[in-house]
N, C-alpha and C. Protein backbone atom coordinates (compact mmCIF):
# COMPACT_ATOMS: atom_id res chain seq x y z
N MET A 1 0.84 -1.18 0.00
CA MET A 1 0.00 0.00 0.00
C MET A 1 0.88 1.24 0.00
N ILE A 2 0.51 2.20 -0.80
CA ILE A 2 1.26 3.43 -0.90
C ILE A 2 0.70 4.43 0.10
N SER A 3 1.55 4.89 1.01
CA SER A 3 1.08 5.85 2.01
C SER A 3 1.59 7.27 1.71
N TYR A 4 2.62 7.36 0.88
CA TYR A 4 3.14 8.67 0.49
C TYR A 4 3.31 8.68 -1.02
N PRO A 5 2.88 9.66 -1.68
CA PRO A 5 2.10 10.79 -1.20
C PRO A 5 0.65 10.38 -0.94
N SER A 6 -0.01 11.14 -0.11
CA SER A 6 -1.39 10.79 0.23
C SER A 6 -2.32 11.11 -0.94
N ILE A 7 -3.41 10.38 -1.00
CA ILE A 7 -4.38 10.62 -2.07
C ILE A 7 -4.93 12.04 -1.97
N ASP A 8 -5.04 12.57 -0.77
CA ASP A 8 -5.51 13.95 -0.60
C ASP A 8 -4.57 14.94 -1.26
N ASP A 9 -3.26 14.73 -1.10
CA ASP A 9 -2.28 15.61 -1.75
C ASP A 9 -2.36 15.51 -3.27
N LEU A 10 -2.54 14.29 -3.76
CA LEU A 10 -2.62 14.09 -5.20
C LEU A 10 -3.90 14.69 -5.78
N LEU A 11 -5.00 14.57 -5.04
CA LEU A 11 -6.27 15.12 -5.53
C LEU A 11 -6.30 16.64 -5.50
N LYS A 12 -5.34 17.27 -4.82
CA LYS A 12 -5.21 18.72 -4.88
C LYS A 12 -4.70 19.15 -6.26
N ARG A 13 -3.93 18.28 -6.89
CA ARG A 13 -3.39 18.57 -8.22
C ARG A 13 -4.38 18.20 -9.32
N TYR A 14 -5.03 17.05 -9.17
CA TYR A 14 -6.01 16.57 -10.15
C TYR A 14 -7.23 16.09 -9.40
N ASP A 15 -8.39 16.52 -9.83
CA ASP A 15 -9.61 16.15 -9.12
C ASP A 15 -10.19 14.83 -9.59
N SER A 16 -9.50 14.15 -10.47
CA SER A 16 -10.00 12.89 -11.01
C SER A 16 -9.06 11.75 -10.64
N ARG A 17 -9.59 10.78 -9.95
CA ARG A 17 -8.79 9.59 -9.60
C ARG A 17 -8.40 8.83 -10.87
N TYR A 18 -9.29 8.86 -11.86
CA TYR A 18 -9.00 8.20 -13.13
C TYR A 18 -7.78 8.84 -13.79
N SER A 19 -7.76 10.15 -13.85
CA SER A 19 -6.61 10.86 -14.45
C SER A 19 -5.33 10.54 -13.71
N LEU A 20 -5.39 10.48 -12.39
CA LEU A 20 -4.21 10.12 -11.59
C LEU A 20 -3.74 8.71 -11.90
N ALA A 21 -4.69 7.80 -12.02
CA ALA A 21 -4.33 6.40 -12.29
C ALA A 21 -3.66 6.27 -13.65
N VAL A 22 -4.22 6.91 -14.65
CA VAL A 22 -3.66 6.83 -16.00
C VAL A 22 -2.29 7.50 -16.06
N LEU A 23 -2.20 8.70 -15.49
CA LEU A 23 -0.94 9.43 -15.50
C LEU A 23 0.16 8.67 -14.76
N SER A 24 -0.16 8.14 -13.59
CA SER A 24 0.85 7.41 -12.82
C SER A 24 1.25 6.12 -13.52
N ALA A 25 0.31 5.44 -14.15
CA ALA A 25 0.65 4.20 -14.88
C ALA A 25 1.57 4.50 -16.06
N LYS A 26 1.25 5.54 -16.81
CA LYS A 26 2.10 5.90 -17.95
C LYS A 26 3.50 6.26 -17.49
N ARG A 27 3.59 7.06 -16.43
CA ARG A 27 4.91 7.47 -15.93
C ARG A 27 5.67 6.28 -15.38
N ALA A 28 4.98 5.38 -14.69
CA ALA A 28 5.64 4.18 -14.15
C ALA A 28 6.22 3.34 -15.28
N HIS A 29 5.49 3.20 -16.38
CA HIS A 29 6.01 2.45 -17.53
C HIS A 29 7.25 3.13 -18.11
N GLN A 30 7.23 4.45 -18.15
CA GLN A 30 8.40 5.17 -18.64
C GLN A 30 9.61 4.90 -17.75
N LEU A 31 9.40 4.94 -16.44
CA LEU A 31 10.50 4.67 -15.50
C LEU A 31 11.02 3.25 -15.66
N GLU A 32 10.11 2.30 -15.87
CA GLU A 32 10.53 0.90 -16.05
C GLU A 32 11.36 0.73 -17.32
N LYS A 33 11.08 1.56 -18.33
CA LYS A 33 11.83 1.48 -19.59
C LYS A 33 13.17 2.21 -19.49
N GLY A 34 13.41 2.90 -18.38
CA GLY A 34 14.69 3.55 -18.20
C GLY A 34 14.70 5.05 -18.42
N ASP A 35 13.54 5.66 -18.56
CA ASP A 35 13.50 7.12 -18.71
C ASP A 35 14.10 7.78 -17.46
N PRO A 36 14.66 8.98 -17.62
CA PRO A 36 15.30 9.64 -16.48
C PRO A 36 14.32 9.94 -15.34
N LYS A 37 14.83 9.80 -14.13
CA LYS A 37 14.03 10.12 -12.94
C LYS A 37 14.02 11.64 -12.77
N MET A 38 12.93 12.16 -12.23
CA MET A 38 12.76 13.61 -12.11
C MET A 38 13.02 14.13 -10.71
N LEU A 39 13.22 13.25 -9.75
CA LEU A 39 13.53 13.68 -8.38
C LEU A 39 14.88 13.13 -7.98
N SER A 40 15.53 13.78 -7.05
CA SER A 40 16.84 13.31 -6.60
C SER A 40 16.74 12.10 -5.69
N SER A 41 15.62 11.96 -4.97
CA SER A 41 15.42 10.78 -4.12
C SER A 41 13.94 10.48 -4.02
N TYR A 42 13.66 9.23 -3.71
CA TYR A 42 12.28 8.74 -3.63
C TYR A 42 12.09 7.97 -2.33
N GLU A 43 10.90 8.04 -1.80
CA GLU A 43 10.57 7.22 -0.63
C GLU A 43 10.17 5.81 -1.05
N SER A 44 9.56 5.70 -2.23
CA SER A 44 9.08 4.41 -2.70
C SER A 44 10.12 3.72 -3.57
N PRO A 45 10.30 2.41 -3.39
CA PRO A 45 11.20 1.68 -4.26
C PRO A 45 10.53 1.23 -5.55
N LYS A 46 9.19 1.34 -5.62
CA LYS A 46 8.44 0.85 -6.78
C LYS A 46 8.15 2.00 -7.74
N THR A 47 8.07 1.65 -9.03
CA THR A 47 7.91 2.69 -10.05
C THR A 47 6.58 3.43 -9.94
N VAL A 48 5.51 2.76 -9.56
CA VAL A 48 4.23 3.46 -9.42
C VAL A 48 4.32 4.48 -8.29
N GLY A 49 4.94 4.10 -7.19
CA GLY A 49 5.14 5.03 -6.08
C GLY A 49 6.01 6.20 -6.48
N MET A 50 7.07 5.91 -7.25
CA MET A 50 7.93 6.99 -7.74
C MET A 50 7.15 7.94 -8.63
N ALA A 51 6.32 7.38 -9.51
CA ALA A 51 5.52 8.21 -10.40
C ALA A 51 4.58 9.10 -9.59
N LEU A 52 3.94 8.55 -8.57
CA LEU A 52 3.04 9.34 -7.73
C LEU A 52 3.79 10.44 -6.99
N GLU A 53 5.00 10.15 -6.55
CA GLU A 53 5.81 11.18 -5.88
C GLU A 53 6.13 12.31 -6.86
N GLU A 54 6.47 11.96 -8.10
CA GLU A 54 6.75 12.98 -9.11
C GLU A 54 5.51 13.83 -9.40
N ILE A 55 4.35 13.19 -9.45
CA ILE A 55 3.10 13.92 -9.68
C ILE A 55 2.83 14.87 -8.52
N ALA A 56 3.01 14.38 -7.29
CA ALA A 56 2.77 15.21 -6.10
C ALA A 56 3.68 16.43 -6.07
N LYS A 57 4.89 16.29 -6.58
CA LYS A 57 5.85 17.41 -6.60
C LYS A 57 5.67 18.31 -7.82
N GLY A 58 4.72 17.98 -8.68
CA GLY A 58 4.46 18.81 -9.86
C GLY A 58 5.44 18.60 -11.00
N LYS A 59 6.19 17.51 -10.97
CA LYS A 59 7.17 17.23 -12.01
C LYS A 59 6.55 16.55 -13.23
N VAL A 60 5.42 15.88 -13.03
CA VAL A 60 4.71 15.20 -14.11
C VAL A 60 3.32 15.78 -14.16
N ILE A 61 2.93 16.22 -15.35
CA ILE A 61 1.60 16.82 -15.51
C ILE A 61 0.90 16.22 -16.72
N ILE A 62 -0.40 16.42 -16.78
CA ILE A 62 -1.18 16.02 -17.94
C ILE A 62 -1.02 17.11 -18.99
N ASP A 63 -0.69 16.71 -20.20
CA ASP A 63 -0.53 17.66 -21.30
C ASP A 63 -1.91 18.14 -21.73
N PRO A 64 -2.22 19.43 -21.51
CA PRO A 64 -3.55 19.92 -21.86
C PRO A 64 -3.82 19.95 -23.36
N ASP A 65 -2.77 19.90 -24.18
CA ASP A 65 -2.94 19.90 -25.63
C ASP A 65 -3.12 18.50 -26.20
N SER A 66 -2.99 17.50 -25.36
CA SER A 66 -3.14 16.12 -25.79
C SER A 66 -4.56 15.66 -25.53
N VAL A 67 -5.34 15.62 -26.59
CA VAL A 67 -6.72 15.21 -26.47
C VAL A 67 -6.92 13.94 -27.26
N LEU A 68 -7.31 12.89 -26.58
CA LEU A 68 -7.56 11.62 -27.23
C LEU A 68 -8.95 11.17 -26.79
N LEU A 69 -9.85 11.11 -27.74
CA LEU A 69 -11.20 10.69 -27.42
C LEU A 69 -11.22 9.22 -27.03
N GLU A 70 -12.17 8.84 -26.21
CA GLU A 70 -12.24 7.48 -25.70
C GLU A 70 -12.28 6.46 -26.83
N HIS A 71 -13.09 6.71 -27.86
CA HIS A 71 -13.17 5.73 -28.94
C HIS A 71 -11.86 5.62 -29.71
N GLU A 72 -11.11 6.72 -29.80
CA GLU A 72 -9.79 6.67 -30.45
C GLU A 72 -8.82 5.87 -29.61
N ALA A 73 -8.87 6.04 -28.30
CA ALA A 73 -8.01 5.28 -27.40
C ALA A 73 -8.32 3.79 -27.49
N GLU A 74 -9.60 3.45 -27.56
CA GLU A 74 -9.99 2.05 -27.66
C GLU A 74 -9.50 1.43 -28.96
N LYS A 75 -9.55 2.20 -30.07
CA LYS A 75 -9.03 1.71 -31.34
C LYS A 75 -7.54 1.42 -31.24
N LYS A 76 -6.80 2.34 -30.61
CA LYS A 76 -5.35 2.16 -30.46
C LYS A 76 -5.04 0.92 -29.63
N LEU A 77 -5.77 0.74 -28.53
CA LEU A 77 -5.55 -0.42 -27.68
C LEU A 77 -5.85 -1.71 -28.43
N LYS A 78 -6.94 -1.75 -29.17
CA LYS A 78 -7.31 -2.94 -29.93
C LYS A 78 -6.24 -3.25 -30.96
N LYS A 79 -5.74 -2.21 -31.63
CA LYS A 79 -4.69 -2.39 -32.64
C LYS A 79 -3.43 -2.98 -32.00
N GLN A 80 -3.06 -2.49 -30.82
CA GLN A 80 -1.87 -3.00 -30.13
C GLN A 80 -2.08 -4.45 -29.72
N GLU A 81 -3.28 -4.78 -29.24
CA GLU A 81 -3.56 -6.15 -28.83
C GLU A 81 -3.53 -7.12 -29.99
N ASP A 82 -3.93 -6.66 -31.18
CA ASP A 82 -3.97 -7.51 -32.37
C ASP A 82 -2.58 -7.80 -32.93
N GLN A 83 -1.62 -6.99 -32.56
CA GLN A 83 -0.26 -7.17 -33.11
C GLN A 83 0.46 -8.30 -32.46
């Protein structure tokens, strides 16, 4: 269970738990692939925890210019699954 950062702190940045889940999952995958870390130290040893810490510190944000409609996202996922 992740106790830091608290969900209350994270919800101050984004009011949607869904947005937090998607953003943290994407960032965790980037960290697993070896992308550079954005903080000098982390409390969590796991990539999802690290991603949440980066979000809480304002280092990772949702790109407001990136708009992907749900049906477009579903098409992309289906295409990836078919490969």
